[in-house]
Amino acid sequence: MSLENCILSIDQGTTSSRAIVFNSESDIVAVAQQEFEQHYPNDGWVEHNPEDIWQSTLSVCKKAVKKALDKGAKIAAIGVTNQRETTLVWNKETGEPVYNAIVWQDRRTSERCRTLQAQGHLESIQSKTGLLLDPYFSASKIEWILDNVEGARNDAEQGKLAFGTVDSYLIWKLTGGKVHATDITNACRTNLFNIHQEQWDADLCSLFNVPEAVLPEVKQCADDYGHSDINVCGFDIPICGVAGDQQAAAIGQCCFDEGSIKSTYGTGCFVLLNTGKKAFASKNKLLTTVAYKINGETCYALEGSIFIAGAAVQWLRDGIEVIENALQTEPLATSLDYDHGVYLVPAFAGMGAPYWQPEARGAIFGLTRGTTNAHLARAALESVSYQTSDLLKAMSEDGVNPRMLRVDGGMVGNNWVCQFLTNILNMTVQRPKIMETTALGAAYLAGLYVGIYESTQSLADKNKIDVEFEPDMSEDLRAKLLAGWKNAVQSTLGFSRT
């Protein structure tokens, strides 16, 4: 195993922080992971303690680097990938956050977004940002913090505060407060960034009452983000690659060609379709977003966002305690027939694409006295495939019909999930050998900047595939299952409107 040009990849997620050291051949040299606490102070509110984000990140970096150095590795660069849209505001002088991080799943600004939409601002926002008016995105979260934390708005207007998504906050901490920057894939998820002009939009900042002084500098994905402080890993390392987690996963899956598509199954599920140099406008409530910017060239994508995927399994384990660990779900699922009659609509944080109903809440249909933990586990796994089908149907109605889907994330280590997914979608599903594609994408970006990798094409040439799954379900059964799902979704949406 080559240990000369290794890259430390920081993957800061919704429920855990992870650090992975890759070598130049994409092999994992060392890894460390740490979960941290989630906070739910009110209905629909989701927060993280910023110190938990930082300390868990710092801890896993130190552990992974030590393991790598003990093996003789030489670390050439750092790549960062992160949960997107999650919003932090901190004091530039002290570095102290003024409030907890408001997580992307948080719904507290639903009413504010409805008001803005009623005032007729949706079309302008969508045309500039490619996004919808939803509490999912960062702008209304920033506004809420500035309006609800005593003194915050005044300090922000005086230039004393800094806003950042998690990548920006980590870069600030890693560099000892020297660099306040973000990359274009995170900036474009705020509802404040014009994806066509590639800059913060003054009119949008005014609409959301966000002083431009709090915003970070926007850089390319492979770029100079300064050096880590010596106290982080014992020596300074250049930070050279940054991308939001879903874009990083697409890069890790080598989705560099127009038309290539990936779906990541982590806490949520996110489908990203490369549309090349064209910012494709969806008519079916999919998002237009920046896939990446490398060497001055911007590539766009069409995205579908599902808020709850692996989080449904976590709910089974930690919420209602019907399983002890996620590995139990596969044997439980295989113990039942396909037509078992139970549907879980996991709208625990509202419903994302293509419904965009922030007030929706989770529901279970088809319960009987014979319902067991196996039915709940299987329904949770199936819900992920059904939601993916909804996204691809929306893409099809937009005139986009991919023939093969690349998948990654913790859930697709489950063979049953992959087979059910390929059956419901009726298309080939391809799983990579390296499952940590999000972290790998950040490593690729850093490696491109420092010259470890020659080009995106050279990365694509080395892409390693593990398994291709092919559909084996009858059309009649597929149609029956999807009809049941459609009924469950419509019932859930109907309840949310009562």
Protein backbone atom coordinates (compact mmCIF):
# COMPACT_ATOMS: atom_id res chain seq x y z
CA MET A 1 0.00 0.00 0.00
CA SER A 2 1.34 3.39 -1.05
CA LEU A 3 1.72 5.80 1.89
CA GLU A 4 3.52 8.75 0.27
CA ASN A 5 0.70 11.09 -0.82
CA CYS A 6 -2.12 10.53 1.65
CA ILE A 7 -5.11 12.79 2.21
CA LEU A 8 -7.03 13.39 5.42
CA SER A 9 -10.73 13.58 4.58
CA ILE A 10 -13.08 15.10 7.16
CA ASP A 11 -16.67 13.95 6.74
CA GLN A 12 -18.83 15.87 9.21
CA GLY A 13 -22.33 14.41 9.11
CA THR A 14 -25.68 14.89 10.78
CA THR A 15 -25.26 12.20 13.42
CA SER A 16 -21.49 11.62 13.50
CA SER A 17 -18.11 13.02 12.54
CA ARG A 18 -15.67 10.87 10.64
CA ALA A 19 -12.07 11.22 9.52
CA ILE A 20 -10.57 8.94 6.90
CA VAL A 21 -7.02 8.92 5.58
CA PHE A 22 -6.87 7.76 1.94
CA ASN A 23 -3.77 6.98 -0.05
CA SER A 24 -3.33 8.05 -3.67
CA GLU A 25 -4.96 4.80 -4.88
CA SER A 26 -8.15 5.53 -2.87
CA ASP A 27 -7.37 2.83 -0.32
CA ILE A 28 -8.34 3.55 3.29
CA VAL A 29 -5.24 3.87 5.47
CA ALA A 30 -6.96 4.87 8.71
CA VAL A 31 -10.43 5.79 9.93
CA ALA A 32 -12.05 7.16 13.09
CA GLN A 33 -15.69 7.98 13.79
CA GLN A 34 -17.63 9.50 16.66
CA GLU A 35 -21.37 10.02 17.11
CA PHE A 36 -22.69 13.12 18.85
CA GLU A 37 -25.97 14.16 20.45
CA GLN A 38 -28.97 15.52 18.59
CA HIS A 39 -31.18 18.14 20.26
CA TYR A 40 -34.94 18.57 19.70
CA PRO A 41 -36.01 21.59 21.80
CA ASN A 42 -39.46 21.95 20.16
CA ASP A 43 -41.70 20.16 17.68
CA GLY A 44 -39.94 20.19 14.31
CA TRP A 45 -36.79 21.81 15.72
CA VAL A 46 -33.41 20.08 15.32
CA GLU A 47 -30.17 21.48 16.73
CA HIS A 48 -26.54 20.53 17.32
CA ASN A 49 -24.20 21.93 19.92
CA PRO A 50 -21.42 23.55 17.82
CA GLU A 51 -18.85 22.43 20.37
CA ASP A 52 -19.96 18.83 19.81
CA ILE A 53 -19.43 19.28 16.08
CA TRP A 54 -15.96 20.70 16.59
CA GLN A 55 -14.74 18.43 19.38
CA SER A 56 -15.95 15.27 17.64
CA THR A 57 -14.27 16.43 14.42
CA LEU A 58 -11.04 17.31 16.22
CA SER A 59 -11.03 13.97 18.06
CA VAL A 60 -11.49 11.82 14.94
CA CYS A 61 -8.87 13.82 13.03
CA LYS A 62 -6.29 13.27 15.75
CA LYS A 63 -7.10 9.56 15.96
CA ALA A 64 -7.08 8.92 12.21
CA VAL A 65 -3.88 10.88 11.67
CA LYS A 66 -2.12 9.05 14.49
CA LYS A 67 -3.14 5.68 13.06
CA ALA A 68 -1.91 6.74 9.63
CA LEU A 69 1.39 8.15 10.88
CA ASP A 70 2.00 4.97 12.88
CA LYS A 71 1.80 3.08 9.60
CA GLY A 72 4.32 5.44 8.00
CA ALA A 73 1.87 7.59 6.03
CA LYS A 74 2.69 11.10 4.86
CA ILE A 75 -0.31 13.41 4.75
CA ALA A 76 -0.24 15.96 1.93
CA ALA A 77 -3.62 17.69 2.19
CA ILE A 78 -7.01 17.91 3.89
CA GLY A 79 -10.41 17.62 2.23
CA VAL A 80 -13.64 18.62 3.98
CA THR A 81 -17.20 17.50 3.33
CA ASN A 82 -20.19 18.29 5.47
CA GLN A 83 -23.90 18.17 6.19
CA ARG A 84 -25.29 20.97 4.04
CA GLU A 85 -27.67 23.82 4.95
CA THR A 86 -27.02 23.42 8.70
CA THR A 87 -26.49 26.96 9.94
CA LEU A 88 -24.06 28.44 12.45
CA VAL A 89 -23.42 32.05 13.49
CA TRP A 90 -20.42 32.91 15.65
CA ASN A 91 -18.50 35.89 16.99
CA LYS A 92 -15.48 36.72 14.84
CA GLU A 93 -13.40 37.92 17.78
CA THR A 94 -14.10 35.17 20.31
CA GLY A 95 -15.03 32.35 17.93
CA GLU A 96 -17.99 31.56 20.19
CA PRO A 97 -21.28 30.60 18.50
CA VAL A 98 -24.19 32.85 19.43
CA TYR A 99 -26.66 29.95 19.23
CA ASN A 100 -26.75 26.22 18.56
CA ALA A 101 -26.35 25.01 15.00
CA ILE A 102 -29.78 24.85 13.36
CA VAL A 103 -29.80 21.59 11.42
CA TRP A 104 -30.95 21.19 7.83
CA GLN A 105 -33.91 19.08 9.03
CA ASP A 106 -35.23 21.92 11.21
CA ARG A 107 -38.72 23.22 10.41
CA ARG A 108 -39.02 26.29 12.68
CA THR A 109 -39.06 28.79 9.83
CA SER A 110 -41.93 27.14 7.93
CA GLU A 111 -44.29 30.05 8.57
CA ARG A 112 -41.71 32.60 7.44
CA CYS A 113 -41.18 30.70 4.19
CA ARG A 114 -44.94 30.49 3.58
CA THR A 115 -45.23 34.25 4.12
CA LEU A 116 -42.48 34.99 1.61
CA GLN A 117 -44.11 32.68 -0.90
CA ALA A 118 -47.49 34.33 -0.39
CA GLN A 119 -45.80 37.68 -1.06
CA GLY A 120 -44.72 36.38 -4.47
CA HIS A 121 -40.99 35.87 -3.93
CA LEU A 122 -40.74 32.21 -5.01
CA GLU A 123 -40.16 32.82 -8.70
CA SER A 124 -37.31 35.28 -8.09
CA ILE A 125 -35.65 32.99 -5.55
CA GLN A 126 -35.98 29.94 -7.75
CA SER A 127 -34.65 31.72 -10.85
CA LYS A 128 -31.57 32.98 -9.01
CA THR A 129 -30.76 30.12 -6.65
CA GLY A 130 -32.35 27.06 -8.27
CA LEU A 131 -33.98 26.35 -4.90
CA LEU A 132 -37.47 26.53 -3.44
CA LEU A 133 -38.77 28.52 -0.47
CA ASP A 134 -38.36 26.00 2.32
CA PRO A 135 -36.98 26.01 5.88
CA TYR A 136 -34.52 23.36 4.67
CA PHE A 137 -32.22 26.05 3.31
CA SER A 138 -29.97 28.32 5.35
CA ALA A 139 -31.26 31.86 4.75
CA SER A 140 -34.36 31.72 6.95
CA LYS A 141 -32.30 29.98 9.65
CA ILE A 142 -29.76 32.84 9.69
CA GLU A 143 -32.59 35.36 9.88
CA TRP A 144 -34.16 33.47 12.80
CA ILE A 145 -30.91 33.47 14.78
CA LEU A 146 -30.32 37.18 14.20
CA ASP A 147 -33.90 38.00 15.21
CA ASN A 148 -34.11 35.72 18.25
CA VAL A 149 -30.71 35.99 19.93
CA GLU A 150 -30.37 39.17 21.95
CA GLY A 151 -27.93 41.60 20.36
CA ALA A 152 -27.16 39.32 17.42
CA ARG A 153 -28.65 41.49 14.69
CA ASN A 154 -26.86 44.61 15.90
CA ASP A 155 -23.55 42.72 16.10
CA ALA A 156 -24.10 41.26 12.63
CA GLU A 157 -24.75 44.68 11.12
CA GLN A 158 -21.52 45.93 12.70
CA GLY A 159 -19.57 43.09 11.11
CA LYS A 160 -18.85 41.30 14.39
CA LEU A 161 -20.52 38.01 13.48
CA ALA A 162 -19.80 35.31 10.91
CA PHE A 163 -22.26 32.94 9.28
CA GLY A 164 -21.21 29.60 7.98
CA THR A 165 -22.49 26.20 6.98
CA VAL A 166 -20.60 23.41 8.75
CA ASP A 167 -17.71 23.43 6.25
CA SER A 168 -17.12 27.12 6.87
CA TYR A 169 -17.27 26.69 10.64
CA LEU A 170 -14.78 23.82 10.51
CA ILE A 171 -12.40 25.75 8.25
CA TRP A 172 -12.54 28.65 10.72
CA LYS A 173 -11.75 26.31 13.61
CA LEU A 174 -9.12 24.31 11.73
CA THR A 175 -7.24 27.45 10.72
CA GLY A 176 -7.48 29.04 14.16
CA GLY A 177 -9.90 31.72 12.94
CA LYS A 178 -7.70 32.81 10.02
CA VAL A 179 -10.02 31.79 7.17
CA HIS A 180 -13.73 32.54 6.77
CA ALA A 181 -14.63 30.79 3.53
CA THR A 182 -16.99 28.28 1.97
CA ASP A 183 -17.12 26.50 -1.34
CA ILE A 184 -19.64 27.07 -4.13
CA THR A 185 -21.59 23.84 -3.48
CA ASN A 186 -22.37 24.91 0.08
CA ALA A 187 -22.97 28.55 -0.83
CA CYS A 188 -25.55 27.52 -3.41
CA ARG A 189 -27.66 25.83 -0.69
CA THR A 190 -28.36 29.00 1.30
CA ASN A 191 -31.04 30.77 -0.80
CA LEU A 192 -28.67 33.76 -0.84
CA PHE A 193 -26.36 32.75 -3.70
CA ASN A 194 -26.97 33.43 -7.39
CA ILE A 195 -25.85 30.23 -9.13
CA HIS A 196 -25.68 31.92 -12.53
CA GLN A 197 -23.60 34.94 -11.51
CA GLU A 198 -21.79 32.81 -8.88
CA GLN A 199 -21.94 35.41 -6.14
CA TRP A 200 -23.95 36.40 -3.08
CA ASP A 201 -27.10 38.21 -4.16
CA ALA A 202 -27.71 41.59 -2.52
CA ASP A 203 -31.47 41.49 -3.13
CA LEU A 204 -31.83 38.06 -1.53
CA CYS A 205 -29.73 39.13 1.43
CA SER A 206 -32.07 42.11 1.83
CA LEU A 207 -35.17 39.90 1.51
CA PHE A 208 -33.98 37.58 4.30
CA ASN A 209 -32.52 40.44 6.38
CA VAL A 210 -29.02 38.95 6.29
CA PRO A 211 -26.19 41.53 6.40
CA GLU A 212 -23.63 40.72 3.71
CA ALA A 213 -20.85 41.32 6.24
CA VAL A 214 -21.58 37.94 7.88
CA LEU A 215 -21.13 35.93 4.69
CA PRO A 216 -17.98 33.90 3.92
CA GLU A 217 -15.78 34.16 0.85
CA VAL A 218 -16.88 31.68 -1.83
CA LYS A 219 -14.16 29.52 -3.39
CA GLN A 220 -13.93 26.67 -5.87
CA CYS A 221 -14.21 23.09 -4.62
CA ALA A 222 -10.52 22.44 -5.25
CA ASP A 223 -8.88 25.59 -3.89
CA ASP A 224 -6.67 27.10 -1.19
CA TYR A 225 -8.51 27.19 2.15
CA GLY A 226 -5.45 27.91 4.25
CA HIS A 227 -3.56 25.50 6.54
CA SER A 228 -4.71 23.65 9.62
CA ASP A 229 -3.36 24.99 12.89
CA ILE A 230 -0.45 22.99 14.33
CA ASN A 231 -2.57 22.10 17.38
CA VAL A 232 -5.01 20.12 15.25
CA CYS A 233 -2.78 17.30 14.07
CA GLY A 234 0.64 18.30 15.39
CA PHE A 235 1.73 19.86 12.09
CA ASP A 236 0.12 22.18 9.57
CA ILE A 237 -1.62 20.65 6.56
CA PRO A 238 -3.03 22.54 3.56
CA ILE A 239 -6.84 22.45 3.30
CA CYS A 240 -7.46 22.14 -0.42
CA GLY A 241 -10.81 20.48 -1.10
CA VAL A 242 -14.33 21.33 0.09
CA ALA A 243 -17.78 20.22 -1.02
CA GLY A 244 -21.18 19.62 0.53
CA ASP A 245 -21.78 15.97 1.27
CA GLN A 246 -24.03 15.17 -1.70
CA GLN A 247 -21.79 16.87 -4.23
CA ALA A 248 -18.78 15.18 -2.63
CA ALA A 249 -20.49 11.81 -3.00
CA ALA A 250 -21.12 12.50 -6.69
CA ILE A 251 -17.44 13.35 -7.11
CA GLY A 252 -16.47 10.21 -5.17
CA GLN A 253 -18.70 8.21 -7.53
CA CYS A 254 -16.97 9.92 -10.49
CA CYS A 255 -20.21 11.40 -11.84
CA PHE A 256 -18.28 13.77 -14.08
CA ASP A 257 -20.19 13.06 -17.31
CA GLU A 258 -23.44 14.78 -18.19
CA GLY A 259 -26.31 12.40 -17.43
CA SER A 260 -24.50 10.41 -14.74
CA ILE A 261 -26.51 10.04 -11.54
CA LYS A 262 -25.93 8.93 -7.97
CA SER A 263 -28.07 8.44 -4.88
CA THR A 264 -26.65 8.56 -1.37
CA TYR A 265 -28.41 6.78 1.51
CA GLY A 266 -27.27 8.26 4.79
CA THR A 267 -29.37 10.11 7.36
CA GLY A 268 -31.38 11.35 4.39
CA CYS A 269 -31.34 10.34 0.74
CA PHE A 270 -30.18 12.61 -2.05
CA VAL A 271 -30.25 11.95 -5.79
CA LEU A 272 -27.89 14.09 -7.87
CA LEU A 273 -27.95 14.13 -11.68
CA ASN A 274 -25.10 15.81 -13.58
CA THR A 275 -26.53 18.28 -16.12
CA GLY A 276 -23.18 19.58 -17.33
CA LYS A 277 -22.72 23.29 -17.98
CA LYS A 278 -26.48 23.87 -18.10
CA ALA A 279 -28.41 24.89 -14.99
CA PHE A 280 -31.49 22.78 -15.78
CA ALA A 281 -34.73 24.23 -14.38
CA SER A 282 -37.13 21.58 -13.07
CA LYS A 283 -40.89 21.84 -13.49
CA ASN A 284 -41.46 19.19 -10.83
CA LYS A 285 -39.98 20.73 -7.69
CA LEU A 286 -36.50 19.29 -8.05
CA LEU A 287 -33.60 21.56 -7.19
CA THR A 288 -31.10 23.11 -9.56
CA THR A 289 -27.73 23.18 -7.84
CA VAL A 290 -24.00 23.42 -8.46
CA ALA A 291 -22.39 19.98 -8.71
CA TYR A 292 -18.82 21.32 -8.46
CA LYS A 293 -16.42 23.96 -9.68
CA ILE A 294 -12.91 22.80 -10.57
CA ASN A 295 -10.24 24.66 -12.54
CA GLY A 296 -12.64 27.52 -13.26
CA GLU A 297 -15.32 25.27 -14.81
CA THR A 298 -18.74 25.06 -13.15
CA CYS A 299 -20.86 21.94 -13.50
CA TYR A 300 -24.52 21.92 -12.51
CA ALA A 301 -26.86 19.22 -11.25
CA LEU A 302 -30.51 18.41 -10.73
CA GLU A 303 -31.21 17.20 -7.20
CA GLY A 304 -33.97 15.46 -5.31
CA SER A 305 -33.81 15.65 -1.51
CA ILE A 306 -35.35 13.08 0.86
CA PHE A 307 -35.06 14.12 4.49
CA ILE A 308 -35.35 10.70 6.15
CA ALA A 309 -33.62 7.51 5.00
CA GLY A 310 -31.17 5.92 7.43
CA ALA A 311 -32.69 8.13 10.12
CA ALA A 312 -35.80 5.90 9.92
CA VAL A 313 -33.67 2.92 10.95
CA GLN A 314 -32.11 5.02 13.70
CA TRP A 315 -35.66 5.81 14.90
CA LEU A 316 -36.47 2.10 15.03
CA ARG A 317 -33.36 1.58 17.17
CA ASP A 318 -33.35 4.65 19.43
CA GLY A 319 -36.90 5.98 19.23
CA ILE A 320 -39.25 3.02 19.58
CA GLU A 321 -36.51 0.46 20.33
CA VAL A 322 -37.83 -2.39 18.17
CA ILE A 323 -34.30 -3.27 17.00
CA GLU A 324 -30.95 -3.19 18.77
CA ASN A 325 -28.80 -2.37 15.73
CA ALA A 326 -29.17 -1.57 12.04
CA LEU A 327 -27.76 -4.94 10.96
CA GLN A 328 -30.92 -6.63 12.24
CA THR A 329 -33.04 -5.00 9.55
CA GLU A 330 -31.85 -7.22 6.69
CA PRO A 331 -32.82 -10.60 8.23
CA LEU A 332 -36.05 -9.07 9.52
CA ALA A 333 -36.89 -7.76 6.04
CA THR A 334 -36.14 -11.07 4.32
CA SER A 335 -38.44 -12.92 6.73
CA LEU A 336 -41.54 -11.39 5.09
CA ASP A 337 -43.21 -11.64 1.71
CA TYR A 338 -43.17 -8.65 -0.63
CA ASP A 339 -46.87 -7.95 -0.22
CA HIS A 340 -46.90 -7.65 3.58
CA GLY A 341 -49.23 -4.64 3.65
CA VAL A 342 -47.41 -2.20 5.95
CA TYR A 343 -46.17 1.21 4.75
CA LEU A 344 -44.09 3.73 6.68
CA VAL A 345 -44.08 7.32 5.41
CA PRO A 346 -41.08 8.73 7.34
CA ALA A 347 -42.07 12.39 7.25
CA PHE A 348 -40.51 13.02 10.66
CA ALA A 349 -39.09 16.33 9.43
CA GLY A 350 -41.65 17.12 6.77
CA MET A 351 -41.49 15.83 3.20
CA GLY A 352 -38.87 16.92 0.71
CA ALA A 353 -38.89 16.50 -3.07
CA PRO A 354 -41.11 16.31 -4.97
CA TYR A 355 -43.76 17.17 -2.34
CA TRP A 356 -42.10 19.91 -0.25
CA GLN A 357 -44.56 19.78 2.64
CA PRO A 358 -42.70 20.98 5.77
CA GLU A 359 -45.74 20.42 8.00
CA ALA A 360 -46.14 16.73 7.12
CA ARG A 361 -45.35 14.22 9.87
CA GLY A 362 -44.57 10.52 9.82
CA ALA A 363 -47.29 7.87 9.52
CA ILE A 364 -47.65 4.08 9.44
CA PHE A 365 -50.41 2.35 7.49
CA GLY A 366 -51.64 -1.23 7.39
CA LEU A 367 -51.12 -2.18 11.03
CA THR A 368 -52.85 -5.32 12.33
CA ARG A 369 -52.59 -7.45 15.46
CA GLY A 370 -50.11 -9.51 13.51
CA THR A 371 -47.74 -6.61 12.84
CA THR A 372 -44.26 -7.22 14.29
CA ASN A 373 -40.89 -5.53 14.42
CA ALA A 374 -40.12 -7.28 11.10
CA HIS A 375 -42.95 -5.38 9.39
CA LEU A 376 -41.73 -2.06 10.79
CA ALA A 377 -38.13 -2.75 9.82
CA ARG A 378 -39.06 -3.78 6.31
CA ALA A 379 -41.43 -0.84 5.85
CA ALA A 380 -38.64 1.53 6.93
CA LEU A 381 -36.22 0.05 4.39
CA GLU A 382 -38.84 -0.01 1.64
CA SER A 383 -39.74 3.64 2.21
CA VAL A 384 -36.31 4.65 0.98
CA SER A 385 -36.83 2.92 -2.38
CA TYR A 386 -40.33 4.30 -2.75
CA GLN A 387 -39.11 7.85 -2.10
CA THR A 388 -36.31 7.37 -4.63
CA SER A 389 -38.90 6.21 -7.16
CA ASP A 390 -40.82 9.46 -6.55
CA LEU A 391 -37.68 11.46 -7.34
CA LEU A 392 -36.88 9.58 -10.54
CA LYS A 393 -40.50 9.88 -11.66
CA ALA A 394 -40.19 13.66 -11.22
CA MET A 395 -36.97 13.61 -13.25
CA SER A 396 -38.72 11.60 -15.95
CA GLU A 397 -41.50 14.17 -16.11
CA ASP A 398 -38.77 16.80 -16.54
CA GLY A 399 -37.56 14.85 -19.58
CA VAL A 400 -34.61 13.11 -17.91
CA ASN A 401 -34.52 9.30 -17.94
CA PRO A 402 -31.32 7.79 -16.51
CA ARG A 403 -30.75 4.09 -17.19
CA MET A 404 -28.44 3.30 -14.30
CA LEU A 405 -28.14 4.57 -10.73
CA ARG A 406 -24.92 4.67 -8.70
CA VAL A 407 -25.58 4.25 -4.98
CA ASP A 408 -23.57 4.80 -1.82
CA GLY A 409 -24.03 5.42 1.90
CA GLY A 410 -24.41 3.17 4.90
CA MET A 411 -27.80 1.71 3.95
CA VAL A 412 -26.67 0.18 0.65
CA GLY A 413 -24.27 -2.16 2.41
CA ASN A 414 -27.54 -4.07 2.89
CA ASN A 415 -27.95 -6.29 -0.20
CA TRP A 416 -31.69 -6.59 0.36
CA VAL A 417 -32.05 -2.80 0.18
CA CYS A 418 -30.13 -2.67 -3.11
CA GLN A 419 -32.19 -5.45 -4.68
CA PHE A 420 -35.49 -3.94 -3.59
CA LEU A 421 -34.33 -0.56 -4.90
CA THR A 422 -33.44 -1.95 -8.33
CA ASN A 423 -36.78 -3.78 -8.43
CA ILE A 424 -38.85 -0.71 -7.57
CA LEU A 425 -36.90 1.53 -9.96
CA ASN A 426 -36.74 -1.17 -12.65
CA MET A 427 -33.20 -0.16 -13.54
CA THR A 428 -29.62 -1.25 -12.87
CA VAL A 429 -28.22 -0.18 -9.51
CA GLN A 430 -24.43 0.01 -9.21
CA ARG A 431 -22.62 -0.14 -5.87
CA PRO A 432 -18.96 0.95 -5.58
CA LYS A 433 -16.17 -1.01 -3.90
CA ILE A 434 -15.32 2.00 -1.75
CA MET A 435 -18.50 2.78 0.15
CA GLU A 436 -17.12 5.95 1.76
CA THR A 437 -17.71 7.92 -1.42
CA THR A 438 -18.57 11.19 0.36
CA ALA A 439 -15.23 11.28 2.16
CA LEU A 440 -13.51 10.01 -0.98
CA GLY A 441 -14.96 12.89 -3.01
CA ALA A 442 -13.47 15.44 -0.60
CA ALA A 443 -10.14 13.60 -0.82
CA TYR A 444 -10.29 13.68 -4.62
CA LEU A 445 -10.80 17.46 -4.57
CA ALA A 446 -7.84 18.03 -2.27
CA GLY A 447 -5.74 15.63 -4.32
CA LEU A 448 -6.60 17.43 -7.55
CA TYR A 449 -5.49 20.76 -6.09
CA VAL A 450 -2.12 19.54 -4.82
CA GLY A 451 -1.42 17.48 -7.95
CA ILE A 452 -1.82 13.96 -6.57
CA TYR A 453 -4.46 13.39 -9.26
CA GLU A 454 -3.97 14.68 -12.78
CA SER A 455 -7.62 15.25 -13.76
CA THR A 456 -11.21 14.19 -13.19
CA GLN A 457 -10.81 11.82 -16.14
CA SER A 458 -7.92 10.07 -14.45
CA LEU A 459 -10.16 9.55 -11.42
CA ALA A 460 -12.98 8.15 -13.54
CA ASP A 461 -10.58 5.71 -15.16
CA LYS A 462 -9.78 4.24 -11.73
CA ASN A 463 -13.39 4.06 -10.49
CA LYS A 464 -13.97 0.69 -8.79
CA ILE A 465 -17.36 -1.08 -8.95
CA ASP A 466 -18.39 -3.77 -6.47
CA VAL A 467 -21.79 -5.12 -7.60
CA GLU A 468 -24.42 -4.38 -10.21
CA PHE A 469 -27.97 -5.27 -9.17
CA GLU A 470 -30.56 -6.08 -11.84
CA PRO A 471 -34.36 -6.08 -11.42
CA ASP A 472 -36.21 -9.38 -11.03
CA MET A 473 -39.69 -8.23 -9.93
CA SER A 474 -42.82 -8.58 -12.06
CA GLU A 475 -44.39 -5.40 -13.40
CA ASP A 476 -47.72 -6.25 -11.75
CA LEU A 477 -46.16 -6.56 -8.28
CA ARG A 478 -44.11 -3.38 -8.76
CA ALA A 479 -47.23 -1.46 -9.78
CA LYS A 480 -49.20 -2.82 -6.80
CA LEU A 481 -46.51 -1.86 -4.29
CA LEU A 482 -46.12 1.64 -5.74
CA ALA A 483 -49.89 2.16 -5.73
CA GLY A 484 -49.97 1.30 -2.03
CA TRP A 485 -47.14 3.77 -1.40
CA LYS A 486 -48.94 6.50 -3.33
CA ASN A 487 -52.06 5.98 -1.20
CA ALA A 488 -49.99 6.15 2.00
CA VAL A 489 -48.31 9.40 0.90
CA GLN A 490 -51.58 11.05 -0.09
CA SER A 491 -53.12 10.07 3.25
CA THR A 492 -50.11 11.51 5.09
CA LEU A 493 -50.30 14.77 3.16
CA GLY A 494 -54.05 14.92 3.76
CA PHE A 495 -53.54 14.57 7.50
CA SER A 496 -50.92 17.36 7.49
CA ARG A 497 -53.50 19.73 6.00
CA THR A 498 -56.16 19.06 8.66
